[in-house]
Protein backbone atom coordinates (compact mmCIF):
# COMPACT_ATOMS: atom_id res chain seq x y z
CA MET A 1 86.23 118.16 115.73
CA ASP A 2 83.99 120.41 115.53
CA TYR A 3 80.53 118.83 114.21
CA THR A 4 76.81 119.17 114.97
CA ALA A 5 74.95 116.21 113.65
CA ALA A 6 71.12 116.05 112.87
CA ALA A 7 69.44 114.29 115.82
CA GLU A 8 68.12 111.34 113.58
CA LEU A 9 71.49 111.06 111.63
CA LEU A 10 71.66 107.64 111.78
CA LYS A 11 68.04 106.53 111.84
CA GLU A 12 67.09 102.90 110.66
CA ARG A 13 70.69 102.09 110.48
CA VAL A 14 72.12 98.96 111.70
CA ILE A 15 75.85 99.25 112.95
CA LEU A 16 78.21 97.11 114.44
CA VAL A 17 81.36 98.26 116.84
CA THR A 18 83.57 96.24 118.28
CA GLY A 19 85.34 97.09 121.49
CA ALA A 20 81.61 98.53 122.90
CA GLY A 21 81.99 97.25 126.14
CA SER A 22 84.16 100.37 127.32
CA GLY A 23 86.31 103.07 126.45
CA ILE A 24 86.19 104.81 122.60
CA GLY A 25 83.56 101.80 121.75
CA ALA A 26 81.38 102.05 124.15
CA ALA A 27 81.17 106.13 123.89
CA VAL A 28 80.74 105.70 119.94
CA ALA A 29 77.94 103.02 120.53
CA LYS A 30 76.20 105.60 123.04
CA CYS A 31 76.62 108.24 120.66
CA TYR A 32 75.18 105.97 117.60
CA ALA A 33 71.81 105.07 119.55
CA GLN A 34 71.35 108.91 120.55
CA HIS A 35 71.51 109.88 117.00
CA GLY A 36 69.03 106.56 115.98
CA ALA A 37 71.05 103.62 114.81
CA THR A 38 70.43 100.48 115.96
CA VAL A 39 73.71 99.28 117.35
CA ILE A 40 75.13 96.01 117.53
CA LEU A 41 77.91 95.88 120.79
CA LEU A 42 80.48 93.64 120.05
CA ASP A 43 82.91 93.13 123.30
CA LYS A 44 84.52 89.72 124.91
CA LYS A 45 83.50 91.12 128.26
CA ILE A 46 80.02 90.40 128.80
CA PRO A 47 79.15 92.82 132.06
CA SER A 48 80.81 95.43 130.35
CA LEU A 49 78.36 94.82 127.48
CA GLU A 50 75.47 94.92 129.53
CA GLN A 51 76.05 97.93 130.96
CA VAL A 52 76.30 99.56 127.79
CA TYR A 53 73.01 98.01 126.56
CA ASP A 54 71.42 99.13 129.94
CA ASP A 55 72.72 102.93 129.50
CA ILE A 56 71.12 103.00 125.96
CA ILE A 57 67.64 101.45 126.65
CA ALA A 58 67.44 104.02 130.17
CA ALA A 59 68.21 106.68 127.58
CA GLY A 60 65.37 105.70 125.25
CA HIS A 61 67.11 104.37 122.47
CA SER A 62 66.60 101.87 120.07
CA THR A 63 67.18 98.74 121.45
CA PRO A 64 70.64 97.67 120.85
CA ALA A 65 72.25 94.27 120.33
CA ILE A 66 74.79 92.03 122.46
CA TYR A 67 77.53 89.90 120.64
CA PRO A 68 79.97 88.75 122.79
CA LEU A 69 83.08 87.53 120.89
CA ASP A 70 86.71 87.00 121.92
CA LEU A 71 88.83 88.16 118.96
CA LYS A 72 91.70 86.75 120.24
CA GLY A 73 90.39 82.87 119.98
CA ALA A 74 88.07 83.70 117.53
CA SER A 75 88.05 81.50 114.11
CA ILE A 76 87.35 82.19 110.73
CA PRO A 77 83.84 80.53 111.04
CA ASP A 78 82.97 82.82 114.16
CA TYR A 79 83.03 85.67 111.95
CA ASP A 80 81.06 84.23 108.98
CA GLU A 81 78.45 83.32 111.81
CA LEU A 82 78.52 86.73 112.75
CA ALA A 83 77.96 88.22 109.77
CA THR A 84 74.83 85.40 108.83
CA LYS A 85 73.55 86.10 112.24
CA VAL A 86 73.44 90.13 111.52
CA HIS A 87 71.65 89.43 108.26
CA ASP A 88 69.30 87.14 109.81
CA ASN A 89 67.98 88.99 112.69
CA PHE A 90 68.82 92.57 110.96
CA GLY A 91 68.32 92.07 107.38
CA ARG A 92 71.31 94.58 106.85
CA LEU A 93 74.07 96.40 108.02
CA ASP A 94 74.99 99.95 107.21
CA GLY A 95 78.42 100.29 109.37
CA LEU A 96 81.30 98.79 111.03
CA VAL A 97 83.32 100.32 113.59
CA HIS A 98 86.71 98.74 114.90
CA CYS A 99 87.53 100.23 118.08
CA ALA A 100 88.55 96.81 119.78
CA ALA A 101 92.32 96.54 120.57
CA SER A 102 95.21 95.46 122.65
CA LEU A 103 98.01 96.95 124.30
CA GLY A 104 99.98 93.96 124.15
CA GLN A 105 103.60 94.23 125.20
CA LEU A 106 106.21 97.43 125.06
CA ALA A 107 109.62 96.54 124.97
CA PRO A 108 112.60 96.80 122.75
CA VAL A 109 112.39 94.36 119.56
CA GLN A 110 115.15 91.69 120.73
CA HIS A 111 113.16 91.35 123.79
CA GLN A 112 109.89 91.29 122.94
CA ASP A 113 107.64 88.01 123.90
CA PRO A 114 107.18 86.37 120.38
CA LYS A 115 103.04 84.97 121.44
CA ILE A 116 102.32 88.16 122.82
CA TRP A 117 103.57 90.10 119.49
CA LEU A 118 101.30 87.45 117.73
CA GLU A 119 98.50 88.05 119.86
CA THR A 120 98.77 91.82 119.49
CA VAL A 121 99.04 91.86 115.90
CA HIS A 122 95.91 89.25 115.28
CA ILE A 123 93.58 91.41 117.87
CA ASN A 124 94.29 94.31 116.32
CA LEU A 125 94.67 94.05 112.80
CA THR A 126 93.88 90.18 111.32
CA ALA A 127 90.80 89.95 113.38
CA ALA A 128 89.61 93.63 112.11
CA TYR A 129 90.83 92.09 108.52
CA LEU A 130 88.68 89.08 109.27
CA LEU A 131 85.55 90.80 110.64
CA THR A 132 85.57 93.93 107.97
CA ARG A 133 85.55 90.48 104.93
CA SER A 134 82.86 88.68 106.48
CA CYS A 135 80.77 91.78 106.97
CA LEU A 136 81.55 93.10 103.34
CA PRO A 137 78.90 90.86 101.49
CA LEU A 138 75.76 92.54 103.62
CA MET A 139 77.18 95.86 103.65
CA GLN A 140 77.89 96.08 100.07
CA LYS A 141 73.71 95.37 99.48
CA PHE A 142 72.81 98.88 100.90
CA ASP A 143 73.66 102.55 99.79
CA LYS A 144 75.82 104.76 101.98
CA ALA A 145 77.42 102.11 104.35
CA SER A 146 80.59 103.18 106.20
CA ILE A 147 83.12 101.30 107.69
CA ILE A 148 86.01 103.04 110.05
CA PHE A 149 89.03 101.59 111.53
CA THR A 150 90.78 103.19 114.45
CA THR A 151 94.63 103.98 114.23
CA ASP A 152 97.20 105.74 116.45
CA ASN A 153 100.15 107.99 116.27
CA HIS A 154 102.40 105.15 118.02
CA LYS A 155 103.43 102.87 115.17
CA ASN A 156 107.02 103.59 114.06
CA THR A 157 108.82 104.79 117.25
CA ALA A 158 110.64 102.61 119.57
CA TYR A 159 109.36 99.97 121.75
CA TRP A 160 105.81 100.03 120.10
CA ALA A 161 105.94 96.55 119.72
CA GLY A 162 103.29 94.18 117.66
CA TYR A 163 100.74 97.09 118.66
CA GLY A 164 102.50 100.03 116.64
CA ILE A 165 102.99 97.50 113.61
CA SER A 166 99.38 96.49 113.85
CA LYS A 167 98.30 100.19 113.88
CA ALA A 168 100.59 100.93 110.67
CA GLY A 169 98.70 97.72 109.16
CA ILE A 170 95.57 98.94 109.77
CA GLU A 171 96.07 102.15 108.12
CA ALA A 172 97.41 100.19 105.36
CA LEU A 173 93.95 97.92 105.01
CA SER A 174 92.06 100.88 105.37
CA LYS A 175 93.43 102.33 102.39
CA GLN A 176 93.54 99.31 100.13
CA LEU A 177 89.71 98.53 101.11
CA ALA A 178 88.74 102.07 100.25
CA ASP A 179 90.89 102.25 97.00
CA GLU A 180 89.09 98.85 95.98
CA LEU A 181 85.62 100.09 96.80
CA GLU A 182 85.67 102.95 95.54
CA SER A 183 84.31 102.46 92.02
CA ASP A 184 81.33 100.34 93.55
CA GLY A 185 80.39 103.95 95.36
CA ARG A 186 78.49 101.92 98.07
CA ILE A 187 80.95 101.83 101.27
CA ARG A 188 83.19 104.07 102.22
CA VAL A 189 86.22 103.12 103.84
CA ASN A 190 88.36 105.79 106.68
CA CYS A 191 90.38 105.71 109.66
CA ILE A 192 90.53 107.65 112.73
CA ASP A 193 93.59 108.36 115.06
CA PRO A 194 91.87 109.86 118.36
CA GLY A 195 94.57 110.94 119.84
CA THR A 196 95.63 111.36 123.29
CA VAL A 197 92.15 109.76 125.55
CA LYS A 198 91.42 108.81 128.69
CA THR A 199 91.22 104.93 128.63
CA GLU A 200 92.09 102.02 130.04
CA LEU A 201 94.69 101.28 127.14
CA HIS A 202 96.11 104.31 127.50
CA THR A 203 96.50 104.15 131.23
CA HIS A 204 98.61 101.06 130.70
CA ALA A 205 100.92 102.38 128.17
CA PHE A 206 101.18 105.39 130.34
CA PRO A 207 100.79 105.10 133.67
CA ALA A 208 102.59 108.22 135.05
CA ILE A 209 100.44 110.51 133.15
CA ASP A 210 97.43 112.12 135.02
CA PRO A 211 94.07 110.81 133.26
CA THR A 212 92.31 113.82 134.25
CA LEU A 213 94.59 116.25 131.42
CA LEU A 214 93.02 114.06 129.00
CA ALA A 215 90.35 113.95 126.75
CA THR A 216 87.42 111.66 127.50
CA PRO A 217 86.41 108.94 124.79
CA GLU A 218 83.12 111.50 124.52
CA ASP A 219 85.01 114.23 123.52
CA ILE A 220 86.40 112.94 120.69
CA VAL A 221 83.43 110.97 119.14
CA SER A 222 81.90 113.63 117.00
CA SER A 223 84.54 112.22 114.22
CA TYR A 224 82.81 108.84 114.12
CA LEU A 225 79.36 110.65 114.00
CA TYR A 226 80.64 112.80 111.21
CA LEU A 227 81.98 109.57 109.11
CA MET A 228 79.06 107.41 109.45
CA GLY A 229 76.60 109.53 108.54
CA GLU A 230 75.29 111.28 105.04
CA ASP A 231 77.39 114.52 105.80
CA SER A 232 80.73 112.81 105.18
CA LEU A 233 79.75 110.83 102.02
CA THR A 234 82.43 112.49 99.51
CA ILE A 235 85.02 111.60 102.15
CA ASN A 236 86.76 108.26 101.34
CA GLY A 237 90.42 106.69 102.20
CA ASP A 238 90.97 109.66 104.59
CA LEU A 239 92.99 109.75 107.99
CA ILE A 240 91.00 111.95 110.21
CA LYS A 241 92.42 113.20 113.67
CA ALA A 242 89.72 113.54 116.04
CA GLN A 243 92.00 116.07 118.13
């Protein structure tokens, strides 16, 4: 997506990014910080979060916050506690970006491990729902808030198992939420398909593909920047392809 944003597009905004320790999530978090936002970095890997934190500080941007959370094991009260802490520490939440994902197992339906299938759907879909549900009351207090989900073009093709099902569900959840919140006019909800990007998840899914031929996370963050800022206030309920 060809988009040039104002330098302080996200000034004074507080934005929570999941999967912020690496890949697309890390690139999005750094991009938001570069454009003035205070970013809350959520991931299960603390060393990775600390590296992203250090990169943002070294670049001279607003001090981010680290929130370690393993989506696989988090309970419903854990998400409510997160929302409470965001309120207590920042007083607001203007954006929520779902980048965390688990590939799980790629296999024919009859040979899929049910436990892995359930875990994959939980991390990619149920956890995204639970986090969004907990954050909505705080986000509804402010105008021009934005929720962004991340999908994939691998959904209903063979072998994509729980990952594909979860991404189909994410698109449905995004549409449902956009429709429900449209009349209030305070929160926009959209979905992004990043396309083929050089990430750890893609490497696991396609180990034979030369990663140097792929777009980097930094190449596709403009879509996430556009949907978070005021230049996209009329966009709601859409699925945008980053490439």
